[in-house]
Amino acid sequence: MATKVLSTTIDEVLAKKLDQLAAETHRKKSYYVNQALKEYFEGIEDYELALQRKGGESVNLNQAKHELEL
């Protein structure tokens, strides 16, 4: 798999957690960033697929309450 360098700024608390996890598991931080991004995008894809199967768009809670007259 080809890779590309990505530089970003993250919250200090997240950075510390990532540093600790990488140190404890002897894995690179990039491994965990890649895993997190994969899971995030898979979640989005699953959500979009569910919307397609449902045959419509999602509505927020306030819209649902209004439509159901709650």
PDB file of N, CA and C in Angstrom:
ATOM      1  N   MET A   1       0.849  -1.175   0.000  1.00  0.00           N
ATOM      2  CA  MET A   1       0.000   0.000   0.000  1.00  0.00           C
ATOM      3  C   MET A   1       0.894   1.237   0.000  1.00  0.00           C
ATOM      4  N   ALA A   2       0.599   2.150  -0.876  1.00  0.00           N
ATOM      5  CA  ALA A   2       1.340   3.411  -0.930  1.00  0.00           C
ATOM      6  C   ALA A   2       0.932   4.291   0.241  1.00  0.00           C
ATOM      7  N   THR A   3       1.860   5.076   0.713  1.00  0.00           N
ATOM      8  CA  THR A   3       1.570   5.967   1.833  1.00  0.00           C
ATOM      9  C   THR A   3       1.887   7.399   1.456  1.00  0.00           C
ATOM     10  N   LYS A   4       1.360   8.318   2.238  1.00  0.00           N
ATOM     11  CA  LYS A   4       1.592   9.737   2.032  1.00  0.00           C
ATOM     12  C   LYS A   4       1.754  10.387   3.396  1.00  0.00           C
ATOM     13  N   VAL A   5       2.679  11.315   3.493  1.00  0.00           N
ATOM     14  CA  VAL A   5       2.911  12.017   4.751  1.00  0.00           C
ATOM     15  C   VAL A   5       1.813  13.047   4.949  1.00  0.00           C
ATOM     16  N   LEU A   6       1.288  13.102   6.170  1.00  0.00           N
ATOM     17  CA  LEU A   6       0.245  14.052   6.528  1.00  0.00           C
ATOM     18  C   LEU A   6       0.656  14.742   7.815  1.00  0.00           C
ATOM     19  N   SER A   7       0.660  16.038   7.792  1.00  0.00           N
ATOM     20  CA  SER A   7       0.998  16.802   8.989  1.00  0.00           C
ATOM     21  C   SER A   7      -0.260  17.489   9.486  1.00  0.00           C
ATOM     22  N   THR A   8      -0.536  17.364  10.779  1.00  0.00           N
ATOM     23  CA  THR A   8      -1.740  17.965  11.333  1.00  0.00           C
ATOM     24  C   THR A   8      -1.503  18.383  12.778  1.00  0.00           C
ATOM     25  N   THR A   9      -2.398  19.172  13.289  1.00  0.00           N
ATOM     26  CA  THR A   9      -2.358  19.590  14.684  1.00  0.00           C
ATOM     27  C   THR A   9      -3.527  18.930  15.401  1.00  0.00           C
ATOM     28  N   ILE A  10      -3.249  18.314  16.557  1.00  0.00           N
ATOM     29  CA  ILE A  10      -4.318  17.688  17.330  1.00  0.00           C
ATOM     30  C   ILE A  10      -4.307  18.218  18.753  1.00  0.00           C
ATOM     31  N   ASP A  11      -5.414  18.016  19.416  1.00  0.00           N
ATOM     32  CA  ASP A  11      -5.579  18.430  20.804  1.00  0.00           C
ATOM     33  C   ASP A  11      -4.490  17.797  21.672  1.00  0.00           C
ATOM     34  N   GLU A  12      -3.984  18.544  22.619  1.00  0.00           N
ATOM     35  CA  GLU A  12      -2.891  18.072  23.471  1.00  0.00           C
ATOM     36  C   GLU A  12      -3.265  16.811  24.247  1.00  0.00           C
ATOM     37  N   VAL A  13      -4.493  16.732  24.707  1.00  0.00           N
ATOM     38  CA  VAL A  13      -4.937  15.545  25.452  1.00  0.00           C
ATOM     39  C   VAL A  13      -4.911  14.317  24.544  1.00  0.00           C
ATOM     40  N   LEU A  14      -5.397  14.476  23.318  1.00  0.00           N
ATOM     41  CA  LEU A  14      -5.364  13.358  22.374  1.00  0.00           C
ATOM     42  C   LEU A  14      -3.935  12.958  22.049  1.00  0.00           C
ATOM     43  N   ALA A  15      -3.069  13.938  21.901  1.00  0.00           N
ATOM     44  CA  ALA A  15      -1.666  13.655  21.597  1.00  0.00           C
ATOM     45  C   ALA A  15      -1.018  12.851  22.714  1.00  0.00           C
ATOM     46  N   LYS A  16      -1.307  13.210  23.951  1.00  0.00           N
ATOM     47  CA  LYS A  16      -0.742  12.475  25.089  1.00  0.00           C
ATOM     48  C   LYS A  16      -1.266  11.043  25.127  1.00  0.00           C
ATOM     49  N   LYS A  17      -2.561  10.869  24.870  1.00  0.00           N
ATOM     50  CA  LYS A  17      -3.137   9.525  24.848  1.00  0.00           C
ATOM     51  C   LYS A  17      -2.516   8.691  23.733  1.00  0.00           C
ATOM     52  N   LEU A  18      -2.335   9.306  22.582  1.00  0.00           N
ATOM     53  CA  LEU A  18      -1.725   8.615  21.448  1.00  0.00           C
ATOM     54  C   LEU A  18      -0.283   8.235  21.758  1.00  0.00           C
ATOM     55  N   ASP A  19       0.467   9.155  22.344  1.00  0.00           N
ATOM     56  CA  ASP A  19       1.851   8.869  22.737  1.00  0.00           C
ATOM     57  C   ASP A  19       1.912   7.688  23.702  1.00  0.00           C
ATOM     58  N   GLN A  20       1.029   7.694  24.697  1.00  0.00           N
ATOM     59  CA  GLN A  20       1.014   6.634  25.708  1.00  0.00           C
ATOM     60  C   GLN A  20       0.659   5.288  25.082  1.00  0.00           C
ATOM     61  N   LEU A  21      -0.367   5.280  24.239  1.00  0.00           N
ATOM     62  CA  LEU A  21      -0.785   4.040  23.593  1.00  0.00           C
ATOM     63  C   LEU A  21       0.334   3.475  22.725  1.00  0.00           C
ATOM     64  N   ALA A  22       0.964   4.325  21.948  1.00  0.00           N
ATOM     65  CA  ALA A  22       2.054   3.881  21.077  1.00  0.00           C
ATOM     66  C   ALA A  22       3.217   3.326  21.896  1.00  0.00           C
ATOM     67  N   ALA A  23       3.542   3.985  22.985  1.00  0.00           N
ATOM     68  CA  ALA A  23       4.649   3.524  23.835  1.00  0.00           C
ATOM     69  C   ALA A  23       4.325   2.182  24.485  1.00  0.00           C
ATOM     70  N   GLU A  24       3.096   2.031  24.964  1.00  0.00           N
ATOM     71  CA  GLU A  24       2.704   0.795  25.648  1.00  0.00           C
ATOM     72  C   GLU A  24       2.632  -0.398  24.709  1.00  0.00           C
ATOM     73  N   THR A  25       2.266  -0.162  23.465  1.00  0.00           N
ATOM     74  CA  THR A  25       2.058  -1.259  22.517  1.00  0.00           C
ATOM     75  C   THR A  25       3.219  -1.443  21.546  1.00  0.00           C
ATOM     76  N   HIS A  26       4.185  -0.535  21.614  1.00  0.00           N
ATOM     77  CA  HIS A  26       5.348  -0.583  20.714  1.00  0.00           C
ATOM     78  C   HIS A  26       4.932  -0.508  19.247  1.00  0.00           C
ATOM     79  N   ARG A  27       3.901   0.276  18.987  1.00  0.00           N
ATOM     80  CA  ARG A  27       3.463   0.542  17.608  1.00  0.00           C
ATOM     81  C   ARG A  27       3.666   2.018  17.321  1.00  0.00           C
ATOM     82  N   LYS A  28       3.724   2.334  16.035  1.00  0.00           N
ATOM     83  CA  LYS A  28       3.875   3.732  15.646  1.00  0.00           C
ATOM     84  C   LYS A  28       2.552   4.468  15.838  1.00  0.00           C
ATOM     85  N   LYS A  29       2.666   5.739  16.127  1.00  0.00           N
ATOM     86  CA  LYS A  29       1.454   6.563  16.272  1.00  0.00           C
ATOM     87  C   LYS A  29       0.669   6.573  14.969  1.00  0.00           C
ATOM     88  N   SER A  30       1.373   6.554  13.855  1.00  0.00           N
ATOM     89  CA  SER A  30       0.689   6.570  12.558  1.00  0.00           C
ATOM     90  C   SER A  30      -0.215   5.355  12.378  1.00  0.00           C
ATOM     91  N   TYR A  31       0.143   4.233  12.987  1.00  0.00           N
ATOM     92  CA  TYR A  31      -0.701   3.044  12.915  1.00  0.00           C
ATOM     93  C   TYR A  31      -2.074   3.347  13.504  1.00  0.00           C
ATOM     94  N   TYR A  32      -2.089   3.948  14.681  1.00  0.00           N
ATOM     95  CA  TYR A  32      -3.356   4.234  15.354  1.00  0.00           C
ATOM     96  C   TYR A  32      -4.149   5.335  14.658  1.00  0.00           C
ATOM     97  N   VAL A  33      -3.459   6.307  14.101  1.00  0.00           N
ATOM     98  CA  VAL A  33      -4.151   7.359  13.347  1.00  0.00           C
ATOM     99  C   VAL A  33      -4.802   6.743  12.113  1.00  0.00           C
ATOM    100  N   ASN A  34      -4.078   5.872  11.408  1.00  0.00           N
ATOM    101  CA  ASN A  34      -4.642   5.191  10.243  1.00  0.00           C
ATOM    102  C   ASN A  34      -5.845   4.342  10.621  1.00  0.00           C
ATOM    103  N   GLN A  35      -5.738   3.581  11.722  1.00  0.00           N
ATOM    104  CA  GLN A  35      -6.852   2.741  12.165  1.00  0.00           C
ATOM    105  C   GLN A  35      -8.079   3.585  12.501  1.00  0.00           C
ATOM    106  N   ALA A  36      -7.862   4.692  13.194  1.00  0.00           N
ATOM    107  CA  ALA A  36      -8.978   5.566  13.573  1.00  0.00           C
ATOM    108  C   ALA A  36      -9.656   6.153  12.340  1.00  0.00           C
ATOM    109  N   LEU A  37      -8.862   6.584  11.368  1.00  0.00           N
ATOM    110  CA  LEU A  37      -9.440   7.143  10.145  1.00  0.00           C
ATOM    111  C   LEU A  37     -10.192   6.082   9.352  1.00  0.00           C
ATOM    112  N   LYS A  38      -9.654   4.874   9.284  1.00  0.00           N
ATOM    113  CA  LYS A  38     -10.355   3.788   8.586  1.00  0.00           C
ATOM    114  C   LYS A  38     -11.716   3.529   9.222  1.00  0.00           C
ATOM    115  N   GLU A  39     -11.736   3.420  10.544  1.00  0.00           N
ATOM    116  CA  GLU A  39     -13.001   3.173  11.241  1.00  0.00           C
ATOM    117  C   GLU A  39     -13.985   4.321  11.040  1.00  0.00           C
ATOM    118  N   TYR A  40     -13.486   5.544  11.062  1.00  0.00           N
ATOM    119  CA  TYR A  40     -14.341   6.712  10.862  1.00  0.00           C
ATOM    120  C   TYR A  40     -14.990   6.667   9.481  1.00  0.00           C
ATOM    121  N   PHE A  41     -14.178   6.433   8.446  1.00  0.00           N
ATOM    122  CA  PHE A  41     -14.721   6.413   7.092  1.00  0.00           C
ATOM    123  C   PHE A  41     -15.633   5.216   6.860  1.00  0.00           C
ATOM    124  N   GLU A  42     -15.334   4.079   7.468  1.00  0.00           N
ATOM    125  CA  GLU A  42     -16.233   2.932   7.365  1.00  0.00           C
ATOM    126  C   GLU A  42     -17.580   3.250   8.000  1.00  0.00           C
ATOM    127  N   GLY A  43     -17.570   3.970   9.106  1.00  0.00           N
ATOM    128  CA  GLY A  43     -18.813   4.378   9.758  1.00  0.00           C
ATOM    129  C   GLY A  43     -19.641   5.292   8.876  1.00  0.00           C
ATOM    130  N   ILE A  44     -18.977   6.228   8.223  1.00  0.00           N
ATOM    131  CA  ILE A  44     -19.679   7.132   7.307  1.00  0.00           C
ATOM    132  C   ILE A  44     -20.270   6.340   6.151  1.00  0.00           C
ATOM    133  N   GLU A  45     -19.492   5.416   5.590  1.00  0.00           N
ATOM    134  CA  GLU A  45     -19.987   4.603   4.476  1.00  0.00           C
ATOM    135  C   GLU A  45     -21.181   3.758   4.912  1.00  0.00           C
ATOM    136  N   ASP A  46     -21.114   3.177   6.105  1.00  0.00           N
ATOM    137  CA  ASP A  46     -22.241   2.387   6.616  1.00  0.00           C
ATOM    138  C   ASP A  46     -23.483   3.254   6.782  1.00  0.00           C
ATOM    139  N   TYR A  47     -23.295   4.457   7.292  1.00  0.00           N
ATOM    140  CA  TYR A  47     -24.409   5.384   7.485  1.00  0.00           C
ATOM    141  C   TYR A  47     -25.048   5.743   6.146  1.00  0.00           C
ATOM    142  N   GLU A  48     -24.215   6.058   5.148  1.00  0.00           N
ATOM    143  CA  GLU A  48     -24.740   6.418   3.833  1.00  0.00           C
ATOM    144  C   GLU A  48     -25.469   5.248   3.193  1.00  0.00           C
ATOM    145  N   LEU A  49     -24.940   4.037   3.366  1.00  0.00           N
ATOM    146  CA  LEU A  49     -25.600   2.852   2.837  1.00  0.00           C
ATOM    147  C   LEU A  49     -26.952   2.640   3.514  1.00  0.00           C
ATOM    148  N   ALA A  50     -27.006   2.840   4.812  1.00  0.00           N
ATOM    149  CA  ALA A  50     -28.271   2.699   5.539  1.00  0.00           C
ATOM    150  C   ALA A  50     -29.295   3.715   5.047  1.00  0.00           C
ATOM    151  N   LEU A  51     -28.845   4.943   4.783  1.00  0.00           N
ATOM    152  CA  LEU A  51     -29.761   5.955   4.254  1.00  0.00           C
ATOM    153  C   LEU A  51     -30.306   5.545   2.896  1.00  0.00           C
ATOM    154  N   GLN A  52     -29.443   5.006   2.039  1.00  0.00           N
ATOM    155  CA  GLN A  52     -29.888   4.569   0.714  1.00  0.00           C
ATOM    156  C   GLN A  52     -30.907   3.443   0.837  1.00  0.00           C
ATOM    157  N   ARG A  53     -30.635   2.500   1.718  1.00  0.00           N
ATOM    158  CA  ARG A  53     -31.557   1.375   1.898  1.00  0.00           C
ATOM    159  C   ARG A  53     -32.882   1.833   2.481  1.00  0.00           C
ATOM    160  N   LYS A  54     -32.807   2.834   3.349  1.00  0.00           N
ATOM    161  CA  LYS A  54     -34.015   3.375   3.965  1.00  0.00           C
ATOM    162  C   LYS A  54     -34.842   4.129   2.934  1.00  0.00           C
ATOM    163  N   GLY A  55     -34.176   4.657   1.921  1.00  0.00           N
ATOM    164  CA  GLY A  55     -34.867   5.355   0.860  1.00  0.00           C
ATOM    165  C   GLY A  55     -35.131   6.810   1.146  1.00  0.00           C
ATOM    166  N   GLY A  56     -34.352   7.407   1.993  1.00  0.00           N
ATOM    167  CA  GLY A  56     -34.576   8.814   2.281  1.00  0.00           C
ATOM    168  C   GLY A  56     -33.455   9.426   3.073  1.00  0.00           C
ATOM    169  N   GLU A  57     -33.702  10.632   3.479  1.00  0.00           N
ATOM    170  CA  GLU A  57     -32.720  11.363   4.256  1.00  0.00           C
ATOM    171  C   GLU A  57     -33.042  11.233   5.739  1.00  0.00           C
ATOM    172  N   SER A  58     -32.051  11.472   6.546  1.00  0.00           N
ATOM    173  CA  SER A  58     -32.276  11.442   7.985  1.00  0.00           C
ATOM    174  C   SER A  58     -32.883  12.766   8.437  1.00  0.00           C
ATOM    175  N   VAL A  59     -33.536  12.727   9.570  1.00  0.00           N
ATOM    176  CA  VAL A  59     -34.079  13.947  10.166  1.00  0.00           C
ATOM    177  C   VAL A  59     -33.562  14.047  11.586  1.00  0.00           C
ATOM    178  N   ASN A  60     -33.424  15.269  12.078  1.00  0.00           N
ATOM    179  CA  ASN A  60     -32.957  15.416  13.453  1.00  0.00           C
ATOM    180  C   ASN A  60     -34.130  15.236  14.410  1.00  0.00           C
ATOM    181  N   LEU A  61     -33.827  15.174  15.688  1.00  0.00           N
ATOM    182  CA  LEU A  61     -34.839  14.895  16.703  1.00  0.00           C
ATOM    183  C   LEU A  61     -35.963  15.923  16.687  1.00  0.00           C
ATOM    184  N   ASN A  62     -35.644  17.192  16.565  1.00  0.00           N
ATOM    185  CA  ASN A  62     -36.674  18.232  16.547  1.00  0.00           C
ATOM    186  C   ASN A  62     -37.604  18.080  15.353  1.00  0.00           C
ATOM    187  N   GLN A  63     -37.044  17.729  14.183  1.00  0.00           N
ATOM    188  CA  GLN A  63     -37.880  17.514  13.003  1.00  0.00           C
ATOM    189  C   GLN A  63     -38.821  16.331  13.222  1.00  0.00           C
ATOM    190  N   ALA A  64     -38.293  15.250  13.790  1.00  0.00           N
ATOM    191  CA  ALA A  64     -39.112  14.063  14.034  1.00  0.00           C
ATOM    192  C   ALA A  64     -40.245  14.373  15.004  1.00  0.00           C
ATOM    193  N   LYS A  65     -39.945  15.093  16.086  1.00  0.00           N
ATOM    194  CA  LYS A  65     -40.978  15.465  17.052  1.00  0.00           C
ATOM    195  C   LYS A  65     -42.059  16.309  16.394  1.00  0.00           C
ATOM    196  N   HIS A  66     -41.640  17.249  15.552  1.00  0.00           N
ATOM    197  CA  HIS A  66     -42.599  18.119  14.871  1.00  0.00           C
ATOM    198  C   HIS A  66     -43.487  17.300  13.933  1.00  0.00           C
ATOM    199  N   GLU A  67     -42.871  16.424  13.134  1.00  0.00           N
ATOM    200  CA  GLU A  67     -43.634  15.625  12.185  1.00  0.00           C
ATOM    201  C   GLU A  67     -44.573  14.646  12.884  1.00  0.00           C
ATOM    202  N   LEU A  68     -44.170  14.166  14.050  1.00  0.00           N
ATOM    203  CA  LEU A  68     -45.005  13.229  14.805  1.00  0.00           C
ATOM    204  C   LEU A  68     -45.919  13.934  15.796  1.00  0.00           C
ATOM    205  N   GLU A  69     -45.869  15.259  15.786  1.00  0.00           N
ATOM    206  CA  GLU A  69     -46.667  16.105  16.667  1.00  0.00           C
ATOM    207  C   GLU A  69     -46.479  15.727  18.133  1.00  0.00           C
ATOM    208  N   LEU A  70     -45.235  15.586  18.538  1.00  0.00           N
ATOM    209  CA  LEU A  70     -44.920  15.252  19.935  1.00  0.00           C
ATOM    210  C   LEU A  70     -44.558  16.491  20.715  1.00  0.00           C
TER     211      LEU A  70
END
